[in-house]
Amino acid sequence: MSTLVALIVGCARTWVGVYTLGLAAAVKEARRREIDSDIWEQQWLASRRGESLHGTAGEILTRTLFGIFDDIMWRLETGASPGTKGITTVNDTWPMRIGFIVVMLPLAFLIVNGVAIAFFGAGDFDNSTEHFLWGLSFLACPLVAAAGLWLCRPLPKLGLALAVLGVIGVVPIMFWMWMITAPIGLVIITFAIKRSGLVAWPFRPSPTGAA
């Protein structure tokens, strides 16, 4: 396994660990085994077809990113199922769940755009190195913000910090669209604060203790 493929596989497994936080150990393990099996099968098929390791890494990353919405829906359904361990908070209400999906959509779009630039040559750049570096920049910032939004519930301080950091990174990278990215970024940060249950920097806890 190449370093790049190992890195992408590690990212996919990390994402599984993130969205299974708070679930029973048996449920987590079953989900992780399922994803590991899918990743192994994808690598095996790529090897049989003679695909390049770079292409295999891109496919695994793309599949992981396009599966984020399904993973989130799976987590919401699993967390609400009888027999699962969880805490009822404001984040368990349907308006908050729908809001979470809505604010994730622009980040998902930017993540897919970053993958297209870094791994599939989208965009107008002078050489492949610029493609890859710019693509990673476009990919990393919204990915950090998305991870932060997700972590705002189990790890409020870390999640809110990552959400703010990711949004702050997106705006200057896409400076020509700041009139669009800045307002959307503010909405994302506002939702992150609401989801985390933290009132204001530096993470002063809310009177209700909601998380």
N, C-alpha and C. Protein backbone atom coordinates (compact mmCIF):
# COMPACT_ATOMS: atom_id res chain seq x y z
N MET A 1 0.84 -1.19 0.00
CA MET A 1 0.00 0.00 0.00
C MET A 1 0.89 1.25 0.00
N SER A 2 0.63 2.17 -0.93
CA SER A 2 1.44 3.38 -0.99
C SER A 2 1.13 4.31 0.17
N THR A 3 2.03 5.28 0.38
CA THR A 3 1.83 6.24 1.47
C THR A 3 0.53 7.02 1.27
N LEU A 4 0.26 7.43 0.02
CA LEU A 4 -0.94 8.21 -0.27
C LEU A 4 -2.20 7.40 0.01
N VAL A 5 -2.22 6.14 -0.45
CA VAL A 5 -3.38 5.29 -0.21
C VAL A 5 -3.57 5.07 1.28
N ALA A 6 -2.46 4.81 1.99
CA ALA A 6 -2.53 4.60 3.44
C ALA A 6 -3.09 5.84 4.15
N LEU A 7 -2.69 7.03 3.67
CA LEU A 7 -3.18 8.28 4.26
C LEU A 7 -4.68 8.43 4.05
N ILE A 8 -5.15 8.16 2.83
CA ILE A 8 -6.57 8.30 2.51
C ILE A 8 -7.40 7.27 3.28
N VAL A 9 -6.89 6.04 3.37
CA VAL A 9 -7.58 5.00 4.13
C VAL A 9 -7.66 5.41 5.60
N GLY A 10 -6.57 5.98 6.11
CA GLY A 10 -6.57 6.47 7.49
C GLY A 10 -7.60 7.55 7.71
N CYS A 11 -7.75 8.46 6.73
CA CYS A 11 -8.77 9.52 6.82
C CYS A 11 -10.17 8.92 6.85
N ALA A 12 -10.40 7.92 5.99
CA ALA A 12 -11.71 7.27 5.94
C ALA A 12 -12.04 6.61 7.27
N ARG A 13 -11.05 5.93 7.85
CA ARG A 13 -11.27 5.26 9.14
C ARG A 13 -11.47 6.28 10.26
N THR A 14 -10.76 7.40 10.17
CA THR A 14 -10.93 8.45 11.18
C THR A 14 -12.34 9.01 11.14
N TRP A 15 -12.86 9.21 9.93
CA TRP A 15 -14.23 9.70 9.78
C TRP A 15 -15.23 8.73 10.39
N VAL A 16 -15.00 7.44 10.19
CA VAL A 16 -15.87 6.43 10.81
C VAL A 16 -15.83 6.57 12.33
N GLY A 17 -14.62 6.77 12.87
CA GLY A 17 -14.50 6.95 14.31
C GLY A 17 -15.23 8.18 14.81
N VAL A 18 -15.22 9.24 13.99
CA VAL A 18 -15.87 10.49 14.39
C VAL A 18 -17.38 10.32 14.45
N TYR A 19 -18.00 9.77 13.37
CA TYR A 19 -19.46 9.75 13.35
C TYR A 19 -20.06 8.57 14.13
N THR A 20 -19.19 7.70 14.67
CA THR A 20 -19.71 6.65 15.54
C THR A 20 -19.49 6.96 17.02
N LEU A 21 -18.97 8.17 17.31
CA LEU A 21 -18.78 8.57 18.70
C LEU A 21 -20.11 8.52 19.46
N GLY A 22 -20.07 7.98 20.66
CA GLY A 22 -21.26 7.94 21.49
C GLY A 22 -22.14 6.72 21.31
N LEU A 23 -21.83 5.88 20.30
CA LEU A 23 -22.61 4.67 20.09
C LEU A 23 -22.05 3.52 20.93
N ALA A 24 -22.84 2.48 21.09
CA ALA A 24 -22.39 1.30 21.82
C ALA A 24 -21.19 0.67 21.11
N ALA A 25 -20.31 0.04 21.88
CA ALA A 25 -19.08 -0.52 21.33
C ALA A 25 -19.36 -1.53 20.22
N ALA A 26 -20.38 -2.36 20.39
CA ALA A 26 -20.70 -3.37 19.39
C ALA A 26 -21.14 -2.74 18.07
N VAL A 27 -21.90 -1.65 18.16
CA VAL A 27 -22.37 -0.95 16.97
C VAL A 27 -21.20 -0.30 16.25
N LYS A 28 -20.32 0.34 17.02
CA LYS A 28 -19.12 0.95 16.43
C LYS A 28 -18.28 -0.08 15.69
N GLU A 29 -18.02 -1.20 16.35
CA GLU A 29 -17.16 -2.22 15.77
C GLU A 29 -17.77 -2.79 14.49
N ALA A 30 -19.07 -3.02 14.49
CA ALA A 30 -19.74 -3.55 13.30
C ALA A 30 -19.62 -2.58 12.13
N ARG A 31 -19.80 -1.29 12.41
CA ARG A 31 -19.71 -0.29 11.35
C ARG A 31 -18.28 -0.19 10.82
N ARG A 32 -17.29 -0.22 11.72
CA ARG A 32 -15.90 -0.14 11.30
C ARG A 32 -15.50 -1.34 10.46
N ARG A 33 -15.94 -2.53 10.85
CA ARG A 33 -15.65 -3.73 10.07
C ARG A 33 -16.28 -3.64 8.68
N GLU A 34 -17.49 -3.12 8.63
CA GLU A 34 -18.19 -2.96 7.34
C GLU A 34 -17.41 -2.03 6.40
N ILE A 35 -16.95 -0.89 6.93
CA ILE A 35 -16.21 0.07 6.11
C ILE A 35 -14.86 -0.49 5.71
N ASP A 36 -14.18 -1.17 6.63
CA ASP A 36 -12.88 -1.79 6.31
C ASP A 36 -13.05 -2.81 5.19
N SER A 37 -14.13 -3.56 5.24
CA SER A 37 -14.39 -4.55 4.19
C SER A 37 -14.61 -3.87 2.84
N ASP A 38 -15.36 -2.77 2.84
CA ASP A 38 -15.60 -2.02 1.59
C ASP A 38 -14.30 -1.46 1.02
N ILE A 39 -13.44 -0.92 1.90
CA ILE A 39 -12.17 -0.34 1.45
C ILE A 39 -11.27 -1.43 0.88
N TRP A 40 -11.20 -2.58 1.57
CA TRP A 40 -10.37 -3.68 1.08
C TRP A 40 -10.85 -4.15 -0.29
N GLU A 41 -12.17 -4.29 -0.45
CA GLU A 41 -12.73 -4.74 -1.72
C GLU A 41 -12.43 -3.74 -2.83
N GLN A 42 -12.52 -2.45 -2.53
CA GLN A 42 -12.22 -1.43 -3.53
C GLN A 42 -10.76 -1.50 -3.96
N GLN A 43 -9.86 -1.67 -3.01
CA GLN A 43 -8.44 -1.78 -3.36
C GLN A 43 -8.16 -3.04 -4.17
N TRP A 44 -8.81 -4.13 -3.81
CA TRP A 44 -8.62 -5.39 -4.52
C TRP A 44 -9.09 -5.27 -5.97
N LEU A 45 -10.25 -4.66 -6.17
CA LEU A 45 -10.77 -4.47 -7.52
C LEU A 45 -9.86 -3.56 -8.34
N ALA A 46 -9.36 -2.49 -7.70
CA ALA A 46 -8.46 -1.57 -8.40
C ALA A 46 -7.18 -2.27 -8.82
N SER A 47 -6.67 -3.16 -7.95
CA SER A 47 -5.46 -3.91 -8.27
C SER A 47 -5.70 -4.86 -9.43
N ARG A 48 -6.85 -5.53 -9.46
CA ARG A 48 -7.20 -6.45 -10.55
C ARG A 48 -7.34 -5.73 -11.87
N ARG A 49 -7.80 -4.48 -11.80
CA ARG A 49 -7.99 -3.70 -13.03
C ARG A 49 -6.72 -2.99 -13.48
N GLY A 50 -5.70 -3.05 -12.65
CA GLY A 50 -4.44 -2.41 -13.00
C GLY A 50 -4.46 -0.90 -12.84
N GLU A 51 -5.31 -0.39 -11.96
CA GLU A 51 -5.40 1.06 -11.75
C GLU A 51 -4.18 1.55 -10.97
N SER A 52 -3.82 2.80 -11.19
CA SER A 52 -2.69 3.39 -10.48
C SER A 52 -3.05 3.61 -9.01
N LEU A 53 -2.02 3.63 -8.14
CA LEU A 53 -2.25 3.87 -6.73
C LEU A 53 -2.83 5.27 -6.50
N HIS A 54 -2.39 6.24 -7.33
CA HIS A 54 -2.92 7.61 -7.22
C HIS A 54 -4.41 7.62 -7.51
N GLY A 55 -4.81 6.88 -8.54
CA GLY A 55 -6.22 6.80 -8.89
C GLY A 55 -7.03 6.08 -7.82
N THR A 56 -6.44 5.02 -7.24
CA THR A 56 -7.12 4.28 -6.17
C THR A 56 -7.36 5.17 -4.97
N ALA A 57 -6.34 5.95 -4.60
CA ALA A 57 -6.48 6.87 -3.47
C ALA A 57 -7.59 7.88 -3.73
N GLY A 58 -7.63 8.41 -4.96
CA GLY A 58 -8.67 9.38 -5.32
C GLY A 58 -10.07 8.77 -5.25
N GLU A 59 -10.19 7.51 -5.68
CA GLU A 59 -11.48 6.85 -5.65
C GLU A 59 -11.96 6.61 -4.21
N ILE A 60 -11.03 6.19 -3.34
CA ILE A 60 -11.40 5.94 -1.95
C ILE A 60 -11.84 7.25 -1.29
N LEU A 61 -11.07 8.32 -1.54
CA LEU A 61 -11.41 9.62 -0.96
C LEU A 61 -12.76 10.12 -1.48
N THR A 62 -12.96 10.00 -2.79
CA THR A 62 -14.22 10.45 -3.39
C THR A 62 -15.40 9.66 -2.82
N ARG A 63 -15.22 8.36 -2.70
CA ARG A 63 -16.29 7.52 -2.16
C ARG A 63 -16.59 7.91 -0.71
N THR A 64 -15.55 8.19 0.05
CA THR A 64 -15.74 8.60 1.44
C THR A 64 -16.51 9.92 1.52
N LEU A 65 -16.10 10.88 0.70
CA LEU A 65 -16.72 12.20 0.74
C LEU A 65 -18.18 12.16 0.27
N PHE A 66 -18.43 11.42 -0.82
CA PHE A 66 -19.81 11.33 -1.30
C PHE A 66 -20.69 10.52 -0.36
N GLY A 67 -20.06 9.75 0.54
CA GLY A 67 -20.82 8.96 1.49
C GLY A 67 -21.09 9.68 2.79
N ILE A 68 -20.58 10.90 2.94
CA ILE A 68 -20.75 11.64 4.20
C ILE A 68 -22.22 11.83 4.55
N PHE A 69 -23.02 12.21 3.56
CA PHE A 69 -24.45 12.44 3.83
C PHE A 69 -25.11 11.15 4.32
N ASP A 70 -24.84 10.03 3.64
CA ASP A 70 -25.42 8.75 4.06
C ASP A 70 -24.93 8.35 5.44
N ASP A 71 -23.64 8.62 5.71
CA ASP A 71 -23.09 8.30 7.04
C ASP A 71 -23.81 9.09 8.14
N ILE A 72 -24.04 10.37 7.85
CA ILE A 72 -24.73 11.22 8.83
C ILE A 72 -26.15 10.73 9.07
N MET A 73 -26.84 10.39 7.99
CA MET A 73 -28.21 9.89 8.14
C MET A 73 -28.21 8.56 8.90
N TRP A 74 -27.22 7.69 8.61
CA TRP A 74 -27.11 6.43 9.34
C TRP A 74 -26.91 6.69 10.83
N ARG A 75 -26.05 7.68 11.14
CA ARG A 75 -25.77 8.00 12.54
C ARG A 75 -27.01 8.53 13.24
N LEU A 76 -27.76 9.40 12.56
CA LEU A 76 -28.98 9.95 13.15
C LEU A 76 -30.00 8.85 13.43
N GLU A 77 -30.14 7.94 12.47
CA GLU A 77 -31.10 6.86 12.63
C GLU A 77 -30.65 5.88 13.72
N THR A 78 -29.36 5.57 13.73
CA THR A 78 -28.84 4.62 14.71
C THR A 78 -28.90 5.21 16.12
N GLY A 79 -28.56 6.51 16.23
CA GLY A 79 -28.58 7.16 17.54
C GLY A 79 -29.98 7.26 18.11
N ALA A 80 -31.00 7.25 17.23
CA ALA A 80 -32.38 7.37 17.70
C ALA A 80 -33.05 6.03 17.90
N SER A 81 -32.32 4.93 17.61
CA SER A 81 -32.91 3.60 17.70
C SER A 81 -33.00 3.13 19.14
N PRO A 82 -34.01 2.31 19.46
CA PRO A 82 -34.13 1.78 20.82
C PRO A 82 -32.91 0.93 21.16
N GLY A 83 -32.45 1.03 22.38
CA GLY A 83 -31.33 0.22 22.82
C GLY A 83 -29.99 0.86 22.60
N THR A 84 -29.93 2.00 21.93
CA THR A 84 -28.66 2.68 21.74
C THR A 84 -28.45 3.66 22.87
N LYS A 85 -27.18 3.89 23.16
CA LYS A 85 -26.84 4.74 24.29
C LYS A 85 -26.69 6.17 23.82
N GLY A 86 -27.41 7.10 24.42
CA GLY A 86 -27.30 8.48 23.99
C GLY A 86 -27.93 9.42 25.00
N ILE A 87 -27.71 10.71 24.78
CA ILE A 87 -28.26 11.73 25.66
C ILE A 87 -29.18 12.63 24.85
N THR A 88 -30.36 12.87 25.32
CA THR A 88 -31.29 13.72 24.60
C THR A 88 -30.95 15.18 24.85
N THR A 89 -30.64 15.90 23.78
CA THR A 89 -30.30 17.32 23.87
C THR A 89 -30.99 18.06 22.74
N VAL A 90 -30.71 19.37 22.69
CA VAL A 90 -31.28 20.18 21.62
C VAL A 90 -30.87 19.65 20.25
N ASN A 91 -29.71 18.99 20.15
CA ASN A 91 -29.24 18.45 18.88
C ASN A 91 -30.06 17.27 18.40
N ASP A 92 -30.89 16.69 19.27
CA ASP A 92 -31.72 15.56 18.88
C ASP A 92 -33.04 15.99 18.25
N THR A 93 -33.33 17.28 18.21
CA THR A 93 -34.57 17.74 17.60
C THR A 93 -34.42 17.76 16.08
N TRP A 94 -35.54 17.56 15.39
CA TRP A 94 -35.48 17.52 13.93
C TRP A 94 -35.05 18.84 13.31
N PRO A 95 -35.46 20.00 13.84
CA PRO A 95 -34.94 21.25 13.26
C PRO A 95 -33.41 21.33 13.30
N MET A 96 -32.80 20.87 14.42
CA MET A 96 -31.35 20.88 14.51
C MET A 96 -30.72 19.88 13.55
N ARG A 97 -31.34 18.73 13.39
CA ARG A 97 -30.82 17.73 12.46
C ARG A 97 -30.87 18.23 11.02
N ILE A 98 -32.01 18.84 10.67
CA ILE A 98 -32.15 19.39 9.32
C ILE A 98 -31.17 20.54 9.11
N GLY A 99 -31.04 21.41 10.14
CA GLY A 99 -30.09 22.52 10.05
C GLY A 99 -28.68 22.02 9.88
N PHE A 100 -28.32 20.93 10.55
CA PHE A 100 -26.98 20.36 10.42
C PHE A 100 -26.71 19.93 8.98
N ILE A 101 -27.68 19.27 8.37
CA ILE A 101 -27.52 18.82 6.99
C ILE A 101 -27.41 20.02 6.05
N VAL A 102 -28.23 21.05 6.29
CA VAL A 102 -28.23 22.23 5.42
C VAL A 102 -26.89 22.94 5.46
N VAL A 103 -26.32 23.17 6.65
CA VAL A 103 -25.04 23.88 6.73
C VAL A 103 -23.89 23.01 6.23
N MET A 104 -24.09 21.69 6.20
CA MET A 104 -23.06 20.80 5.68
C MET A 104 -22.99 20.82 4.15
N LEU A 105 -24.10 21.18 3.51
CA LEU A 105 -24.16 21.12 2.05
C LEU A 105 -23.10 21.99 1.35
N PRO A 106 -22.97 23.30 1.72
CA PRO A 106 -21.93 24.10 1.05
C PRO A 106 -20.52 23.57 1.33
N LEU A 107 -20.30 23.04 2.53
CA LEU A 107 -18.99 22.47 2.84
C LEU A 107 -18.75 21.22 2.00
N ALA A 108 -19.78 20.40 1.83
CA ALA A 108 -19.64 19.20 1.00
C ALA A 108 -19.32 19.58 -0.44
N PHE A 109 -19.97 20.64 -0.94
CA PHE A 109 -19.70 21.11 -2.30
C PHE A 109 -18.23 21.52 -2.45
N LEU A 110 -17.72 22.26 -1.46
CA LEU A 110 -16.32 22.71 -1.51
C LEU A 110 -15.36 21.53 -1.40
N ILE A 111 -15.71 20.54 -0.59
CA ILE A 111 -14.87 19.36 -0.45
C ILE A 111 -14.77 18.60 -1.77
N VAL A 112 -15.91 18.41 -2.42
CA VAL A 112 -15.94 17.72 -3.72
C VAL A 112 -15.14 18.52 -4.74
N ASN A 113 -15.26 19.85 -4.70
CA ASN A 113 -14.51 20.71 -5.61
C ASN A 113 -13.00 20.54 -5.38
N GLY A 114 -12.60 20.47 -4.11
CA GLY A 114 -11.19 20.27 -3.79
C GLY A 114 -10.67 18.94 -4.30
N VAL A 115 -11.48 17.89 -4.15
CA VAL A 115 -11.09 16.57 -4.66
C VAL A 115 -10.93 16.61 -6.18
N ALA A 116 -11.86 17.28 -6.86
CA ALA A 116 -11.80 17.37 -8.32
C ALA A 116 -10.53 18.08 -8.78
N ILE A 117 -10.14 19.13 -8.06
CA ILE A 117 -8.93 19.87 -8.43
C ILE A 117 -7.67 19.07 -8.12
N ALA A 118 -7.61 18.49 -6.91
CA ALA A 118 -6.39 17.81 -6.47
C ALA A 118 -6.15 16.49 -7.20
N PHE A 119 -7.21 15.74 -7.47
CA PHE A 119 -7.02 14.39 -7.98
C PHE A 119 -7.49 14.18 -9.43
N PHE A 120 -8.31 15.08 -9.95
CA PHE A 120 -8.85 14.86 -11.29
C PHE A 120 -8.57 16.01 -12.26
N GLY A 121 -7.69 16.94 -11.86
CA GLY A 121 -7.23 17.97 -12.79
C GLY A 121 -8.22 19.06 -13.13
N ALA A 122 -9.25 19.25 -12.32
CA ALA A 122 -10.21 20.33 -12.60
C ALA A 122 -9.55 21.68 -12.33
N GLY A 123 -10.04 22.73 -12.98
CA GLY A 123 -9.48 24.06 -12.77
C GLY A 123 -8.37 24.38 -13.75
N ASP A 124 -7.99 25.64 -13.79
CA ASP A 124 -6.99 26.11 -14.74
C ASP A 124 -5.72 26.51 -13.99
N PHE A 125 -4.75 25.60 -13.93
CA PHE A 125 -3.49 25.85 -13.25
C PHE A 125 -2.34 25.52 -14.18
N ASP A 126 -1.15 26.05 -13.87
CA ASP A 126 0.00 25.91 -14.77
C ASP A 126 0.55 24.50 -14.84
N ASN A 127 0.51 23.75 -13.75
CA ASN A 127 1.09 22.41 -13.75
C ASN A 127 0.38 21.52 -12.73
N SER A 128 0.75 20.24 -12.73
CA SER A 128 0.10 19.27 -11.85
C SER A 128 0.36 19.56 -10.37
N THR A 129 1.55 20.11 -10.07
CA THR A 129 1.87 20.44 -8.68
C THR A 129 0.92 21.50 -8.14
N GLU A 130 0.68 22.56 -8.95
CA GLU A 130 -0.26 23.60 -8.54
C GLU A 130 -1.66 23.02 -8.38
N HIS A 131 -2.04 22.15 -9.30
CA HIS A 131 -3.34 21.51 -9.19
C HIS A 131 -3.47 20.82 -7.84
N PHE A 132 -2.47 20.02 -7.50
CA PHE A 132 -2.53 19.22 -6.29
C PHE A 132 -2.54 20.10 -5.04
N LEU A 133 -1.63 21.10 -4.99
CA LEU A 133 -1.51 21.95 -3.81
C LEU A 133 -2.76 22.81 -3.60
N TRP A 134 -3.26 23.42 -4.70
CA TRP A 134 -4.47 24.22 -4.58
C TRP A 134 -5.67 23.33 -4.22
N GLY A 135 -5.69 22.13 -4.82
CA GLY A 135 -6.78 21.22 -4.51
C GLY A 135 -6.80 20.84 -3.04
N LEU A 136 -5.61 20.58 -2.48
CA LEU A 136 -5.53 20.25 -1.06
C LEU A 136 -6.00 21.42 -0.19
N SER A 137 -5.66 22.64 -0.62
CA SER A 137 -6.09 23.83 0.12
C SER A 137 -7.61 23.95 0.10
N PHE A 138 -8.20 23.77 -1.09
CA PHE A 138 -9.65 23.85 -1.21
C PHE A 138 -10.33 22.72 -0.46
N LEU A 139 -9.63 21.58 -0.33
CA LEU A 139 -10.20 20.42 0.35
C LEU A 139 -10.07 20.52 1.87
N ALA A 140 -8.89 20.94 2.34
CA ALA A 140 -8.60 20.90 3.78
C ALA A 140 -9.50 21.81 4.61
N CYS A 141 -9.68 23.06 4.16
CA CYS A 141 -10.43 24.02 4.98
C CYS A 141 -11.89 23.62 5.19
N PRO A 142 -12.65 23.31 4.14
CA PRO A 142 -14.04 22.89 4.40
C PRO A 142 -14.11 21.55 5.13
N LEU A 143 -13.10 20.69 4.93
CA LEU A 143 -13.09 19.41 5.63
C LEU A 143 -12.90 19.62 7.14
N VAL A 144 -12.03 20.56 7.49
CA VAL A 144 -11.82 20.90 8.91
C VAL A 144 -13.10 21.49 9.49
N ALA A 145 -13.75 22.39 8.74
CA ALA A 145 -15.00 23.00 9.22
C ALA A 145 -16.09 21.94 9.40
N ALA A 146 -16.19 21.00 8.45
CA ALA A 146 -17.19 19.95 8.54
C ALA A 146 -16.93 19.04 9.74
N ALA A 147 -15.66 18.69 9.93
CA ALA A 147 -15.31 17.86 11.09
C ALA A 147 -15.63 18.60 12.39
N GLY A 148 -15.37 19.91 12.39
CA GLY A 148 -15.69 20.71 13.57
C GLY A 148 -17.17 20.73 13.88
N LEU A 149 -17.99 20.88 12.84
CA LEU A 149 -19.43 20.87 13.05
C LEU A 149 -19.89 19.56 13.66
N TRP A 150 -19.33 18.48 13.17
CA TRP A 150 -19.72 17.18 13.70
C TRP A 150 -19.29 17.03 15.15
N LEU A 151 -18.07 17.49 15.46
CA LEU A 151 -17.52 17.33 16.80
C LEU A 151 -18.11 18.31 17.81
N CYS A 152 -18.85 19.31 17.34
CA CYS A 152 -19.43 20.30 18.25
C CYS A 152 -20.32 19.66 19.31
N ARG A 153 -20.89 18.52 18.99
CA ARG A 153 -21.75 17.86 19.97
C ARG A 153 -20.95 17.05 20.99
N PRO A 154 -20.10 16.08 20.55
CA PRO A 154 -19.39 15.28 21.56
C PRO A 154 -18.22 16.00 22.21
N LEU A 155 -17.56 16.91 21.45
CA LEU A 155 -16.40 17.66 21.96
C LEU A 155 -16.59 19.13 21.63
N PRO A 156 -17.45 19.84 22.37
CA PRO A 156 -17.86 21.20 22.01
C PRO A 156 -16.71 22.18 21.78
N LYS A 157 -15.73 22.22 22.66
CA LYS A 157 -14.64 23.20 22.52
C LYS A 157 -13.81 22.93 21.28
N LEU A 158 -13.40 21.68 21.09
CA LEU A 158 -12.61 21.31 19.92
C LEU A 158 -13.42 21.51 18.65
N GLY A 159 -14.68 21.07 18.67
CA GLY A 159 -15.52 21.18 17.49
C GLY A 159 -15.72 22.61 17.05
N LEU A 160 -16.04 23.49 18.00
CA LEU A 160 -16.26 24.89 17.66
C LEU A 160 -14.98 25.54 17.14
N ALA A 161 -13.86 25.20 17.76
CA ALA A 161 -12.57 25.75 17.31
C ALA A 161 -12.26 25.32 15.88
N LEU A 162 -12.49 24.05 15.55
CA LEU A 162 -12.22 23.56 14.20
C LEU A 162 -13.18 24.19 13.19
N ALA A 163 -14.46 24.34 13.57
CA ALA A 163 -15.43 24.95 12.66
C ALA A 163 -15.03 26.38 12.32
N VAL A 164 -14.64 27.14 13.34
CA VAL A 164 -14.23 28.54 13.13
C VAL A 164 -12.96 28.59 12.28
N LEU A 165 -11.98 27.72 12.60
CA LEU A 165 -10.72 27.69 11.86
C LEU A 165 -10.95 27.35 10.39
N GLY A 166 -11.80 26.36 10.14
CA GLY A 166 -12.07 25.96 8.76
C GLY A 166 -12.74 27.07 7.96
N VAL A 167 -13.73 27.73 8.57
CA VAL A 167 -14.43 28.82 7.88
C VAL A 167 -13.47 29.98 7.61
N ILE A 168 -12.64 30.32 8.60
CA ILE A 168 -11.68 31.40 8.41
C ILE A 168 -10.72 31.08 7.28
N GLY A 169 -10.40 29.80 7.09
CA GLY A 169 -9.51 29.40 6.01
C GLY A 169 -10.17 29.48 4.64
N VAL A 170 -11.46 29.16 4.57
CA VAL A 170 -12.16 29.15 3.28
C VAL A 170 -12.26 30.55 2.68
N VAL A 171 -12.59 31.54 3.49
CA VAL A 171 -12.86 32.89 2.97
C VAL A 171 -11.66 33.48 2.23
N PRO A 172 -10.44 33.50 2.78
CA PRO A 172 -9.32 34.07 2.02
C PRO A 172 -8.90 33.22 0.82
N ILE A 173 -9.04 31.90 0.91
CA ILE A 173 -8.67 31.05 -0.21
C ILE A 173 -9.57 31.33 -1.41
N MET A 174 -10.85 31.59 -1.14
CA MET A 174 -11.80 31.94 -2.21
C MET A 174 -12.14 33.43 -2.12
N PHE A 175 -11.09 34.25 -2.11
CA PHE A 175 -11.26 35.69 -1.88
C PHE A 175 -12.14 36.35 -2.93
N TRP A 176 -12.16 35.82 -4.15
CA TRP A 176 -12.97 36.44 -5.20
C TRP A 176 -14.47 36.21 -4.98
N MET A 177 -14.80 35.34 -4.02
CA MET A 177 -16.21 35.07 -3.73
C MET A 177 -16.56 35.42 -2.29
N TRP A 178 -15.78 36.35 -1.70
CA TRP A 178 -15.97 36.63 -0.28
C TRP A 178 -17.37 37.13 0.06
N MET A 179 -18.03 37.78 -0.89
CA MET A 179 -19.38 38.28 -0.63
C MET A 179 -20.37 37.13 -0.45
N ILE A 180 -20.00 35.93 -0.93
CA ILE A 180 -20.84 34.75 -0.75
C ILE A 180 -20.33 33.89 0.40
N THR A 181 -19.01 33.64 0.41
CA THR A 181 -18.45 32.75 1.42
C THR A 181 -18.49 33.33 2.84
N ALA A 182 -18.32 34.66 2.97
CA ALA A 182 -18.32 35.27 4.30
C ALA A 182 -19.68 35.14 5.00
N PRO A 183 -20.80 35.50 4.34
CA PRO A 183 -22.10 35.34 5.00
C PRO A 183 -22.42 33.87 5.32
N ILE A 184 -22.11 32.98 4.37
CA ILE A 184 -22.36 31.56 4.62
C ILE A 184 -21.50 31.08 5.78
N GLY A 185 -20.25 31.57 5.83
CA GLY A 185 -19.36 31.21 6.92
C GLY A 185 -19.90 31.64 8.27
N LEU A 186 -20.48 32.84 8.31
CA LEU A 186 -21.07 33.33 9.57
C LEU A 186 -22.25 32.45 10.01
N VAL A 187 -23.04 32.01 9.04
CA VAL A 187 -24.16 31.12 9.35
C VAL A 187 -23.63 29.81 9.92
N ILE A 188 -22.57 29.27 9.31
CA ILE A 188 -21.99 28.01 9.78
C ILE A 188 -21.46 28.16 11.20
N ILE A 189 -20.75 29.26 11.46
CA ILE A 189 -20.20 29.49 12.80
C ILE A 189 -21.32 29.65 13.83
N THR A 190 -22.37 30.39 13.46
CA THR A 190 -23.51 30.58 14.36
C THR A 190 -24.15 29.23 14.70
N PHE A 191 -24.32 28.40 13.68
CA PHE A 191 -24.91 27.08 13.92
C PHE A 191 -23.99 26.22 14.78
N ALA A 192 -22.67 26.34 14.55
CA ALA A 192 -21.70 25.58 15.34
C ALA A 192 -21.80 25.97 16.82
N ILE A 193 -21.95 27.27 17.08
CA ILE A 193 -22.09 27.73 18.47
C ILE A 193 -23.37 27.16 19.09
N LYS A 194 -24.46 27.18 18.33
CA LYS A 194 -25.73 26.64 18.81
C LYS A 194 -25.61 25.15 19.08
N ARG A 195 -24.98 24.43 18.15
CA ARG A 195 -24.85 22.98 18.27
C ARG A 195 -23.96 22.60 19.45
N SER A 196 -22.93 23.40 19.70
CA SER A 196 -21.99 23.10 20.78
C SER A 196 -22.58 23.41 22.16
N GLY A 197 -23.54 24.34 22.20
CA GLY A 197 -24.09 24.74 23.48
C GLY A 197 -23.21 25.73 24.21
N LEU A 198 -22.20 26.25 23.52
CA LEU A 198 -21.29 27.22 24.12
C LEU A 198 -21.71 28.62 23.69
N VAL A 199 -21.72 29.57 24.63
CA VAL A 199 -22.26 30.89 24.34
C VAL A 199 -21.30 31.75 23.54
N ALA A 200 -20.08 31.88 23.99
CA ALA A 200 -19.16 32.79 23.32
C ALA A 200 -17.73 32.41 23.64
N TRP A 201 -16.83 32.96 22.86
CA TRP A 201 -15.41 32.77 23.08
C TRP A 201 -15.01 33.40 24.41
N PRO A 202 -14.17 32.84 25.27
CA PRO A 202 -13.51 31.55 25.04
C PRO A 202 -14.27 30.39 25.64
N PHE A 203 -15.36 30.02 25.02
CA PHE A 203 -16.12 28.84 25.36
C PHE A 203 -16.76 28.93 26.74
N ARG A 204 -17.45 30.04 26.99
CA ARG A 204 -18.19 30.19 28.25
C ARG A 204 -19.43 29.31 28.17
N PRO A 205 -19.64 28.39 29.09
CA PRO A 205 -20.77 27.46 29.03
C PRO A 205 -22.11 28.17 29.14
N SER A 206 -23.08 27.63 28.44
CA SER A 206 -24.41 28.22 28.49
C SER A 206 -25.06 27.92 29.84
N PRO A 207 -25.99 28.78 30.29
CA PRO A 207 -26.65 28.58 31.58
C PRO A 207 -27.38 27.26 31.67
N THR A 208 -27.93 26.78 30.53
CA THR A 208 -28.71 25.54 30.56
C THR A 208 -27.82 24.32 30.51
N GLY A 209 -26.57 24.52 30.06
CA GLY A 209 -25.66 23.37 29.94
C GLY A 209 -25.97 22.50 28.74
N ALA A 210 -26.77 23.04 27.78
CA ALA A 210 -27.11 22.25 26.59
C ALA A 210 -25.87 22.02 25.79
N ALA A 211 -25.78 20.89 25.12
CA ALA A 211 -24.61 20.56 24.31
C ALA A 211 -25.04 19.93 23.01
